Every structure is written in C-alpha cells, then in structure tokens.
Amino acid sequence: MPIPLTLGVPHRPDPNALVAGLLQPFCADAPALHAASHAASHAASRAAEFGPPVVLASTLLTLPPTENLGRIVVRLDIDPDELRASSAANYEAVRFEVDAVPEHLADALGLRLPSPLVVFPVFDAIDVAETAEAIVAAHRTPGIGVGDTARRIADVLAVVSHADVGLVARADTGDEVIAILAATVASLRGDDIASALAAPNVGALRKLVPEAAEAVREVLLGVEIADAVAARARLVDVGLIASWTSTT
C-alpha cells in the first residue's frame, strides 16, 4: 500500500529536513579523506547536509594510529580480519559496506561486523527484487548506484520502502542526488519511479513537510558521492537547501 506523503507549504519549519546528513563524501585515498574532513570541519555549522565520509578500509591501514577520524563509513576492500588486526587510525564506524558479485553474495551477507552492513550487489544476470529481498531478510541494507537502470532502482525501492533497513545510494552528480530523492518519494507514494528518476519534481520535493521528509530519509539513509561540495551547490541551486551565506 502506498504511503501518503503530504505536500505542505513551500516554507516548511525545517527547510533542510530532506537533506540533513544526506551527502556522504567518498574518499578514495588519504588526501581525499583529509580534504573532506577539512571541508566538513570548516563549514560544520553551515553544512549539515554532509554525513560521515566513506573511507576505504585499505586507506585506514595507511593512517597513523594517532589520527582520529571521528564517525565514518568503512568500505571493505580488504578482508575485515586484516582491518581488525591492524593498528589503524581511531574512528567510529557508523556503517560498513561491501560490493558483492553474485557468487560472493552469501559470504557478504554472512559477515559479522560491529556496525550495520550495506551490501552493494552486482545485479548483472541476477533477479534484482529477489536479491534485494535476500539482503533485507539478512537484516542488511541494500545499496545501488543512481546510474543503474530505472527498472533495477525501482525493484530495489519497492522492497526497501516497506522494510526497516533503508537504502544507500551512490551518485556521480548533484542531479543524480535529486533524482534518487524523487524516486524514493515516488516509491513511498506509489507513483512511477522511472518517471521520477528521469524528471524529478523539485517543486514537490521543496514542499514536503518535515514528517514526509523524515519518512523519505528513513528509506534513503545516505547518498555517497565523491564531490559532495559540488552536489550541495546543486541542491542550493534548485532550492532544496539554503545557501551557506543565507544560513550564517
């Protein structure tokens, strides 16, 4: 059954409710991590849209144990046992994530980790809805790229919009961030997801009341993107969030 998402007046009490902590900078190496940390620290009071950065586990091995990274998402590109055995930097892993080809999906779902796990399956030649259901049944969070096909994104959203594990997306641009927000709204309202992806109704997103925005964010936990600053600028351009200068 579709979930009614009420549209309210354009000036809702919390204009940033839809995007608070949404953008998670993906840091491919230590310099990118340090740059993201500096940017977040510099604008912490004005960029609440930035969530924990996504850091490769192999990058953590290169950092001194004296470094304190705070809250991060750890992308497992090495064996978790290797990470556990290392004297890597101090951090709080709010989530772990792993990419899984079909033959390794069961192993990925069986990982035992101290924080929630997001599984990004490779959907080629496998049933998307069935795979998403298997991930949800294992109490894991599915992940998908916004650049994937509309049909696959719709199939995953159809599963997670009625579960309690949420979804994590990967995007390349600010427009893709807007698209997955619109698609998530469409999945909750029972609207056409492919149409929402192709032509997001930004005006409707701006009019979501805080309760509706919260419902969206209970499904869409975060969007990982390499250039989170540029993505945020795009969200400012379309009026989903206020500019830094207007929030100081």
C-alpha atoms as a PDB file:
ATOM      1  CA  MET A   1       0.000   0.000   0.000  1.00  0.00           C
ATOM      2  CA  PRO A   2       1.420   3.426  -0.949  1.00  0.00           C
ATOM      3  CA  ILE A   3       2.356   5.684   1.950  1.00  0.00           C
ATOM      4  CA  PRO A   4       0.771   9.151   1.724  1.00  0.00           C
ATOM      5  CA  LEU A   5       3.439  11.861   1.750  1.00  0.00           C
ATOM      6  CA  THR A   6       1.733  15.132   2.462  1.00  0.00           C
ATOM      7  CA  LEU A   7       2.777  18.165   0.461  1.00  0.00           C
ATOM      8  CA  GLY A   8       2.869  21.308   2.549  1.00  0.00           C
ATOM      9  CA  VAL A   9       3.613  24.955   2.026  1.00  0.00           C
ATOM     10  CA  PRO A  10       6.978  25.832   0.427  1.00  0.00           C
ATOM     11  CA  HIS A  11       8.356  27.357   3.652  1.00  0.00           C
ATOM     12  CA  ARG A  12       8.306  24.367   5.960  1.00  0.00           C
ATOM     13  CA  PRO A  13       9.584  24.708   9.556  1.00  0.00           C
ATOM     14  CA  ASP A  14      12.755  22.736   8.801  1.00  0.00           C
ATOM     15  CA  PRO A  15      13.827  23.575   5.240  1.00  0.00           C
ATOM     16  CA  ASN A  16      16.782  21.158   5.407  1.00  0.00           C
ATOM     17  CA  ALA A  17      14.890  18.145   6.791  1.00  0.00           C
ATOM     18  CA  LEU A  18      15.078  16.263   3.499  1.00  0.00           C
ATOM     19  CA  VAL A  19      18.845  16.536   3.119  1.00  0.00           C
ATOM     20  CA  ALA A  20      20.260  16.622   6.650  1.00  0.00           C
ATOM     21  CA  GLY A  21      23.306  14.337   6.670  1.00  0.00           C
ATOM     22  CA  LEU A  22      22.376  13.077   3.208  1.00  0.00           C
ATOM     23  CA  LEU A  23      25.644  13.672   1.321  1.00  0.00           C
ATOM     24  CA  GLN A  24      28.446  11.297   2.231  1.00  0.00           C
ATOM     25  CA  PRO A  25      31.785  12.214   0.627  1.00  0.00           C
ATOM     26  CA  PHE A  26      33.537   9.197  -0.875  1.00  0.00           C
ATOM     27  CA  CYS A  27      37.255   9.432  -0.157  1.00  0.00           C
ATOM     28  CA  ALA A  28      39.315   7.282  -2.497  1.00  0.00           C
ATOM     29  CA  ASP A  29      42.582   7.873  -0.629  1.00  0.00           C
ATOM     30  CA  ALA A  30      44.108   9.605   2.393  1.00  0.00           C
ATOM     31  CA  PRO A  31      44.456  13.056   0.745  1.00  0.00           C
ATOM     32  CA  ALA A  32      40.780  12.988  -0.272  1.00  0.00           C
ATOM     33  CA  LEU A  33      39.825  11.995   3.271  1.00  0.00           C
ATOM     34  CA  HIS A  34      41.839  14.831   4.778  1.00  0.00           C
ATOM     35  CA  ALA A  35      40.350  17.297   2.302  1.00  0.00           C
ATOM     36  CA  ALA A  36      36.822  16.147   3.111  1.00  0.00           C
ATOM     37  CA  SER A  37      37.478  16.319   6.841  1.00  0.00           C
ATOM     38  CA  HIS A  38      38.862  19.838   6.487  1.00  0.00           C
ATOM     39  CA  ALA A  39      35.870  20.980   4.437  1.00  0.00           C
ATOM     40  CA  ALA A  40      33.396  19.477   6.882  1.00  0.00           C
ATOM     41  CA  SER A  41      35.182  20.999   9.852  1.00  0.00           C
ATOM     42  CA  HIS A  42      35.431  24.408   8.186  1.00  0.00           C
ATOM     43  CA  ALA A  43      31.723  24.544   7.413  1.00  0.00           C
ATOM     44  CA  ALA A  44      30.321  22.259  10.111  1.00  0.00           C
ATOM     45  CA  SER A  45      27.761  24.750  11.342  1.00  0.00           C
ATOM     46  CA  ARG A  46      26.577  25.567   7.827  1.00  0.00           C
ATOM     47  CA  ALA A  47      26.728  22.229   6.005  1.00  0.00           C
ATOM     48  CA  ALA A  48      24.558  19.865   7.990  1.00  0.00           C
ATOM     49  CA  GLU A  49      23.892  18.078   4.699  1.00  0.00           C
ATOM     50  CA  PHE A  50      27.294  16.381   4.957  1.00  0.00           C
ATOM     51  CA  GLY A  51      27.157  12.963   6.600  1.00  0.00           C
ATOM     52  CA  PRO A  52      30.059  10.720   7.612  1.00  0.00           C
ATOM     53  CA  PRO A  53      32.666  10.265   4.871  1.00  0.00           C
ATOM     54  CA  VAL A  54      33.091   6.902   3.159  1.00  0.00           C
ATOM     55  CA  VAL A  55      36.623   5.587   3.566  1.00  0.00           C
ATOM     56  CA  LEU A  56      38.271   2.538   2.015  1.00  0.00           C
ATOM     57  CA  ALA A  57      39.431   0.035   4.606  1.00  0.00           C
ATOM     58  CA  SER A  58      42.773  -0.156   2.826  1.00  0.00           C
ATOM     59  CA  THR A  59      43.184   3.606   3.325  1.00  0.00           C
ATOM     60  CA  LEU A  60      42.707   3.175   7.060  1.00  0.00           C
ATOM     61  CA  LEU A  61      45.739   0.884   7.132  1.00  0.00           C
ATOM     62  CA  THR A  62      47.910   3.709   5.815  1.00  0.00           C
ATOM     63  CA  LEU A  63      46.973   6.194   8.536  1.00  0.00           C
ATOM     64  CA  PRO A  64      48.805   6.552  11.864  1.00  0.00           C
ATOM     65  CA  PRO A  65      47.020   5.193  14.944  1.00  0.00           C
ATOM     66  CA  THR A  66      47.220   8.673  16.482  1.00  0.00           C
ATOM     67  CA  GLU A  67      44.822  10.079  13.875  1.00  0.00           C
ATOM     68  CA  ASN A  68      41.206  10.422  14.993  1.00  0.00           C
ATOM     69  CA  LEU A  69      38.777  10.338  12.080  1.00  0.00           C
ATOM     70  CA  GLY A  70      35.556  10.525  14.068  1.00  0.00           C
ATOM     71  CA  ARG A  71      32.445   8.980  12.517  1.00  0.00           C
ATOM     72  CA  ILE A  72      32.996   7.303   9.147  1.00  0.00           C
ATOM     73  CA  VAL A  73      31.585   4.644   6.836  1.00  0.00           C
ATOM     74  CA  VAL A  74      34.097   1.908   6.063  1.00  0.00           C
ATOM     75  CA  ARG A  75      34.044   0.420   2.566  1.00  0.00           C
ATOM     76  CA  LEU A  76      35.540  -3.053   2.808  1.00  0.00           C
ATOM     77  CA  ASP A  77      38.038  -3.506   0.003  1.00  0.00           C
ATOM     78  CA  ILE A  78      40.174  -5.854   2.135  1.00  0.00           C
ATOM     79  CA  ASP A  79      39.423  -8.756   4.455  1.00  0.00           C
ATOM     80  CA  PRO A  80      37.766  -7.451   7.637  1.00  0.00           C
ATOM     81  CA  ASP A  81      40.154  -9.614   9.673  1.00  0.00           C
ATOM     82  CA  GLU A  82      43.076  -7.667   8.224  1.00  0.00           C
ATOM     83  CA  LEU A  83      41.473  -4.431   9.353  1.00  0.00           C
ATOM     84  CA  ARG A  84      40.764  -5.794  12.820  1.00  0.00           C
ATOM     85  CA  ALA A  85      44.374  -6.905  13.212  1.00  0.00           C
ATOM     86  CA  SER A  86      45.828  -3.544  12.195  1.00  0.00           C
ATOM     87  CA  SER A  87      46.724  -0.542  14.305  1.00  0.00           C
ATOM     88  CA  ALA A  88      44.805   1.804  12.045  1.00  0.00           C
ATOM     89  CA  ALA A  89      43.618   5.291  12.894  1.00  0.00           C
ATOM     90  CA  ASN A  90      40.947   5.806  15.536  1.00  0.00           C
ATOM     91  CA  TYR A  91      37.429   6.040  14.150  1.00  0.00           C
ATOM     92  CA  GLU A  92      33.804   5.188  14.833  1.00  0.00           C
ATOM     93  CA  ALA A  93      32.346   3.066  12.042  1.00  0.00           C
ATOM     94  CA  VAL A  94      28.699   4.033  11.751  1.00  0.00           C
ATOM     95  CA  ARG A  95      28.334   1.550   8.892  1.00  0.00           C
ATOM     96  CA  PHE A  96      30.383  -0.901   6.894  1.00  0.00           C
ATOM     97  CA  GLU A  97      29.744  -1.611   3.242  1.00  0.00           C
ATOM     98  CA  VAL A  98      30.846  -4.167   0.707  1.00  0.00           C
ATOM     99  CA  ASP A  99      30.451  -4.755  -3.029  1.00  0.00           C
ATOM    100  CA  ALA A 100      29.352  -8.292  -3.818  1.00  0.00           C
ATOM    101  CA  VAL A 101      29.278 -10.211  -7.077  1.00  0.00           C
ATOM    102  CA  PRO A 102      26.558 -12.910  -7.210  1.00  0.00           C
ATOM    103  CA  GLU A 103      28.868 -15.779  -6.256  1.00  0.00           C
ATOM    104  CA  HIS A 104      30.049 -13.909  -3.144  1.00  0.00           C
ATOM    105  CA  LEU A 105      26.690 -12.509  -2.040  1.00  0.00           C
ATOM    106  CA  ALA A 106      26.077 -15.196   0.572  1.00  0.00           C
ATOM    107  CA  ASP A 107      29.528 -14.620   2.058  1.00  0.00           C
ATOM    108  CA  ALA A 108      28.879 -10.868   2.200  1.00  0.00           C
ATOM    109  CA  LEU A 109      25.554 -11.373   3.952  1.00  0.00           C
ATOM    110  CA  GLY A 110      27.255 -13.631   6.472  1.00  0.00           C
ATOM    111  CA  LEU A 111      29.859 -11.072   7.565  1.00  0.00           C
ATOM    112  CA  ARG A 112      29.849 -10.353  11.289  1.00  0.00           C
ATOM    113  CA  LEU A 113      30.711  -6.739  11.961  1.00  0.00           C
ATOM    114  CA  PRO A 114      30.265  -4.351  14.899  1.00  0.00           C
ATOM    115  CA  SER A 115      28.095  -1.908  12.899  1.00  0.00           C
ATOM    116  CA  PRO A 116      25.328  -2.204  10.300  1.00  0.00           C
ATOM    117  CA  LEU A 117      26.352  -3.501   6.877  1.00  0.00           C
ATOM    118  CA  VAL A 118      25.366  -2.138   3.453  1.00  0.00           C
ATOM    119  CA  VAL A 119      25.650  -4.611   0.584  1.00  0.00           C
ATOM    120  CA  PHE A 120      26.028  -3.304  -2.964  1.00  0.00           C
ATOM    121  CA  PRO A 121      25.285  -6.327  -5.168  1.00  0.00           C
ATOM    122  CA  VAL A 122      26.356  -6.566  -8.781  1.00  0.00           C
ATOM    123  CA  PHE A 123      22.947  -7.045 -10.380  1.00  0.00           C
ATOM    124  CA  ASP A 124      24.066  -8.382 -13.745  1.00  0.00           C
ATOM    125  CA  ALA A 125      22.286 -11.625 -14.615  1.00  0.00           C
ATOM    126  CA  ILE A 126      20.510 -11.944 -11.251  1.00  0.00           C
ATOM    127  CA  ASP A 127      16.966 -11.216 -10.116  1.00  0.00           C
ATOM    128  CA  VAL A 128      17.076  -7.719  -8.620  1.00  0.00           C
ATOM    129  CA  ALA A 129      13.975  -7.892  -6.427  1.00  0.00           C
ATOM    130  CA  GLU A 130      14.885 -11.367  -5.177  1.00  0.00           C
ATOM    131  CA  THR A 131      18.410 -10.200  -4.336  1.00  0.00           C
ATOM    132  CA  ALA A 132      17.121  -7.104  -2.521  1.00  0.00           C
ATOM    133  CA  GLU A 133      14.715  -9.301  -0.560  1.00  0.00           C
ATOM    134  CA  ALA A 134      17.573 -11.622   0.423  1.00  0.00           C
ATOM    135  CA  ILE A 135      19.627  -8.675   1.668  1.00  0.00           C
ATOM    136  CA  VAL A 136      16.694  -7.315   3.675  1.00  0.00           C
ATOM    137  CA  ALA A 137      15.917 -10.776   5.088  1.00  0.00           C
ATOM    138  CA  ALA A 138      19.515 -10.927   6.345  1.00  0.00           C
ATOM    139  CA  HIS A 139      18.919  -7.590   8.125  1.00  0.00           C
ATOM    140  CA  ARG A 140      21.367  -5.837   5.845  1.00  0.00           C
ATOM    141  CA  THR A 141      20.871  -2.613   3.901  1.00  0.00           C
ATOM    142  CA  PRO A 142      20.849  -2.785   0.094  1.00  0.00           C
ATOM    143  CA  GLY A 143      22.921  -0.323  -1.907  1.00  0.00           C
ATOM    144  CA  ILE A 144      22.555   0.741  -5.525  1.00  0.00           C
ATOM    145  CA  GLY A 145      24.069   3.259  -7.911  1.00  0.00           C
ATOM    146  CA  VAL A 146      21.814   6.005  -9.239  1.00  0.00           C
ATOM    147  CA  GLY A 147      23.383   5.380 -12.630  1.00  0.00           C
ATOM    148  CA  ASP A 148      21.901   1.879 -12.688  1.00  0.00           C
ATOM    149  CA  THR A 149      18.778   1.219 -14.744  1.00  0.00           C
ATOM    150  CA  ALA A 150      15.466   2.714 -13.675  1.00  0.00           C
ATOM    151  CA  ARG A 151      13.968  -0.778 -13.549  1.00  0.00           C
ATOM    152  CA  ARG A 152      16.576  -2.033 -11.090  1.00  0.00           C
ATOM    153  CA  ILE A 153      16.287   1.043  -8.897  1.00  0.00           C
ATOM    154  CA  ALA A 154      12.503   0.672  -8.895  1.00  0.00           C
ATOM    155  CA  ASP A 155      12.754  -3.008  -7.934  1.00  0.00           C
ATOM    156  CA  VAL A 156      15.079  -2.240  -5.027  1.00  0.00           C
ATOM    157  CA  LEU A 157      12.964   0.677  -3.806  1.00  0.00           C
ATOM    158  CA  ALA A 158       9.835  -1.475  -3.989  1.00  0.00           C
ATOM    159  CA  VAL A 159      11.472  -3.813  -1.477  1.00  0.00           C
ATOM    160  CA  VAL A 160      13.137  -1.342   0.889  1.00  0.00           C
ATOM    161  CA  SER A 161      10.261   1.149   1.056  1.00  0.00           C
ATOM    162  CA  HIS A 162       8.366  -1.433   3.081  1.00  0.00           C
ATOM    163  CA  ALA A 163      11.307  -2.648   5.176  1.00  0.00           C
ATOM    164  CA  ASP A 164      13.195  -1.150   8.086  1.00  0.00           C
ATOM    165  CA  VAL A 165      16.779  -1.423   6.811  1.00  0.00           C
ATOM    166  CA  GLY A 166      16.804   1.522   4.402  1.00  0.00           C
ATOM    167  CA  LEU A 167      18.783   2.094   1.225  1.00  0.00           C
ATOM    168  CA  VAL A 168      22.147   3.684   0.462  1.00  0.00           C
ATOM    169  CA  ALA A 169      22.775   5.123  -3.000  1.00  0.00           C
ATOM    170  CA  ARG A 170      25.883   6.107  -4.917  1.00  0.00           C
ATOM    171  CA  ALA A 171      25.737   9.136  -7.180  1.00  0.00           C
ATOM    172  CA  ASP A 172      28.111  10.959  -9.511  1.00  0.00           C
ATOM    173  CA  THR A 173      26.397  14.358  -9.644  1.00  0.00           C
ATOM    174  CA  GLY A 174      24.065  16.609  -7.728  1.00  0.00           C
ATOM    175  CA  ASP A 175      21.363  15.927 -10.314  1.00  0.00           C
ATOM    176  CA  GLU A 176      21.619  12.205  -9.519  1.00  0.00           C
ATOM    177  CA  VAL A 177      21.159  13.046  -5.829  1.00  0.00           C
ATOM    178  CA  ILE A 178      17.967  14.912  -6.712  1.00  0.00           C
ATOM    179  CA  ALA A 179      16.834  12.006  -8.887  1.00  0.00           C
ATOM    180  CA  ILE A 180      17.162   9.387  -6.139  1.00  0.00           C
ATOM    181  CA  LEU A 181      15.367  11.662  -3.671  1.00  0.00           C
ATOM    182  CA  ALA A 182      12.495  11.996  -6.133  1.00  0.00           C
ATOM    183  CA  ALA A 183      12.498   8.257  -6.819  1.00  0.00           C
ATOM    184  CA  THR A 184      12.309   7.496  -3.104  1.00  0.00           C
ATOM    185  CA  VAL A 185       9.344   9.825  -2.732  1.00  0.00           C
ATOM    186  CA  ALA A 186       7.686   8.159  -5.717  1.00  0.00           C
ATOM    187  CA  SER A 187       8.194   4.704  -4.207  1.00  0.00           C
ATOM    188  CA  LEU A 188       6.528   5.772  -0.970  1.00  0.00           C
ATOM    189  CA  ARG A 189       3.631   7.463  -2.743  1.00  0.00           C
ATOM    190  CA  GLY A 190       3.087   4.630  -5.206  1.00  0.00           C
ATOM    191  CA  ASP A 191       3.998   6.868  -8.149  1.00  0.00           C
ATOM    192  CA  ASP A 192       6.032   5.930 -11.218  1.00  0.00           C
ATOM    193  CA  ILE A 193       9.647   5.622 -10.109  1.00  0.00           C
ATOM    194  CA  ALA A 194      11.157   5.665 -13.600  1.00  0.00           C
ATOM    195  CA  SER A 195       9.421   8.948 -14.372  1.00  0.00           C
ATOM    196  CA  ALA A 196      10.623  10.443 -11.086  1.00  0.00           C
ATOM    197  CA  LEU A 197      14.190   9.444 -11.885  1.00  0.00           C
ATOM    198  CA  ALA A 198      14.036  10.869 -15.390  1.00  0.00           C
ATOM    199  CA  ALA A 199      12.274  14.123 -14.483  1.00  0.00           C
ATOM    200  CA  PRO A 200      12.385  14.841 -10.736  1.00  0.00           C
ATOM    201  CA  ASN A 201       9.670  17.190  -9.479  1.00  0.00           C
ATOM    202  CA  VAL A 202      11.900  19.507  -7.471  1.00  0.00           C
ATOM    203  CA  GLY A 203       8.966  21.739  -6.588  1.00  0.00           C
ATOM    204  CA  ALA A 204       7.228  18.822  -4.893  1.00  0.00           C
ATOM    205  CA  LEU A 205      10.424  17.955  -3.005  1.00  0.00           C
ATOM    206  CA  ARG A 206      10.640  21.532  -1.731  1.00  0.00           C
ATOM    207  CA  LYS A 207       7.061  21.330  -0.453  1.00  0.00           C
ATOM    208  CA  LEU A 208       7.472  18.163   1.611  1.00  0.00           C
ATOM    209  CA  VAL A 209       6.550  18.800   5.231  1.00  0.00           C
ATOM    210  CA  PRO A 210       9.072  17.609   7.870  1.00  0.00           C
ATOM    211  CA  GLU A 211       7.115  14.432   8.632  1.00  0.00           C
ATOM    212  CA  ALA A 212       7.153  13.444   4.974  1.00  0.00           C
ATOM    213  CA  ALA A 213      10.841  14.334   4.666  1.00  0.00           C
ATOM    214  CA  GLU A 214      11.557  12.135   7.676  1.00  0.00           C
ATOM    215  CA  ALA A 215       9.709   9.227   6.042  1.00  0.00           C
ATOM    216  CA  VAL A 216      11.851   9.654   2.928  1.00  0.00           C
ATOM    217  CA  ARG A 217      15.058   9.696   4.952  1.00  0.00           C
ATOM    218  CA  GLU A 218      14.051   6.575   6.855  1.00  0.00           C
ATOM    219  CA  VAL A 219      14.317   4.842   3.465  1.00  0.00           C
ATOM    220  CA  LEU A 220      17.175   6.778   1.839  1.00  0.00           C
ATOM    221  CA  LEU A 221      19.872   6.692   4.513  1.00  0.00           C
ATOM    222  CA  GLY A 222      22.534   8.475   2.515  1.00  0.00           C
ATOM    223  CA  VAL A 223      23.994   9.213  -0.903  1.00  0.00           C
ATOM    224  CA  GLU A 224      27.704   8.602  -1.409  1.00  0.00           C
ATOM    225  CA  ILE A 225      29.372  10.987  -3.816  1.00  0.00           C
ATOM    226  CA  ALA A 226      32.969  11.956  -4.484  1.00  0.00           C
ATOM    227  CA  ASP A 227      32.333  15.703  -4.814  1.00  0.00           C
ATOM    228  CA  ALA A 228      29.868  16.374  -2.031  1.00  0.00           C
ATOM    229  CA  VAL A 229      30.571  20.112  -2.119  1.00  0.00           C
ATOM    230  CA  ALA A 230      29.527  20.349  -5.775  1.00  0.00           C
ATOM    231  CA  ALA A 231      26.461  18.207  -5.072  1.00  0.00           C
ATOM    232  CA  ARG A 232      25.478  20.501  -2.230  1.00  0.00           C
ATOM    233  CA  ALA A 233      25.882  23.519  -4.507  1.00  0.00           C
ATOM    234  CA  ARG A 234      23.478  21.895  -6.947  1.00  0.00           C
ATOM    235  CA  LEU A 235      20.925  21.341  -4.173  1.00  0.00           C
ATOM    236  CA  VAL A 236      21.281  25.007  -3.312  1.00  0.00           C
ATOM    237  CA  ASP A 237      20.754  25.952  -6.976  1.00  0.00           C
ATOM    238  CA  VAL A 238      17.398  24.155  -7.110  1.00  0.00           C
ATOM    239  CA  GLY A 239      16.254  25.476  -3.740  1.00  0.00           C
ATOM    240  CA  LEU A 240      16.252  22.251  -1.736  1.00  0.00           C
ATOM    241  CA  ILE A 241      18.550  23.825   0.847  1.00  0.00           C
ATOM    242  CA  ALA A 242      19.599  27.330   1.765  1.00  0.00           C
ATOM    243  CA  SER A 243      22.955  28.635   0.647  1.00  0.00           C
ATOM    244  CA  TRP A 244      25.782  28.916   3.155  1.00  0.00           C
ATOM    245  CA  THR A 245      25.660  32.671   3.015  1.00  0.00           C
ATOM    246  CA  SER A 246      21.971  32.772   3.906  1.00  0.00           C
ATOM    247  CA  THR A 247      22.358  30.423   6.877  1.00  0.00           C
ATOM    248  CA  THR A 248      25.197  32.199   8.651  1.00  0.00           C
END
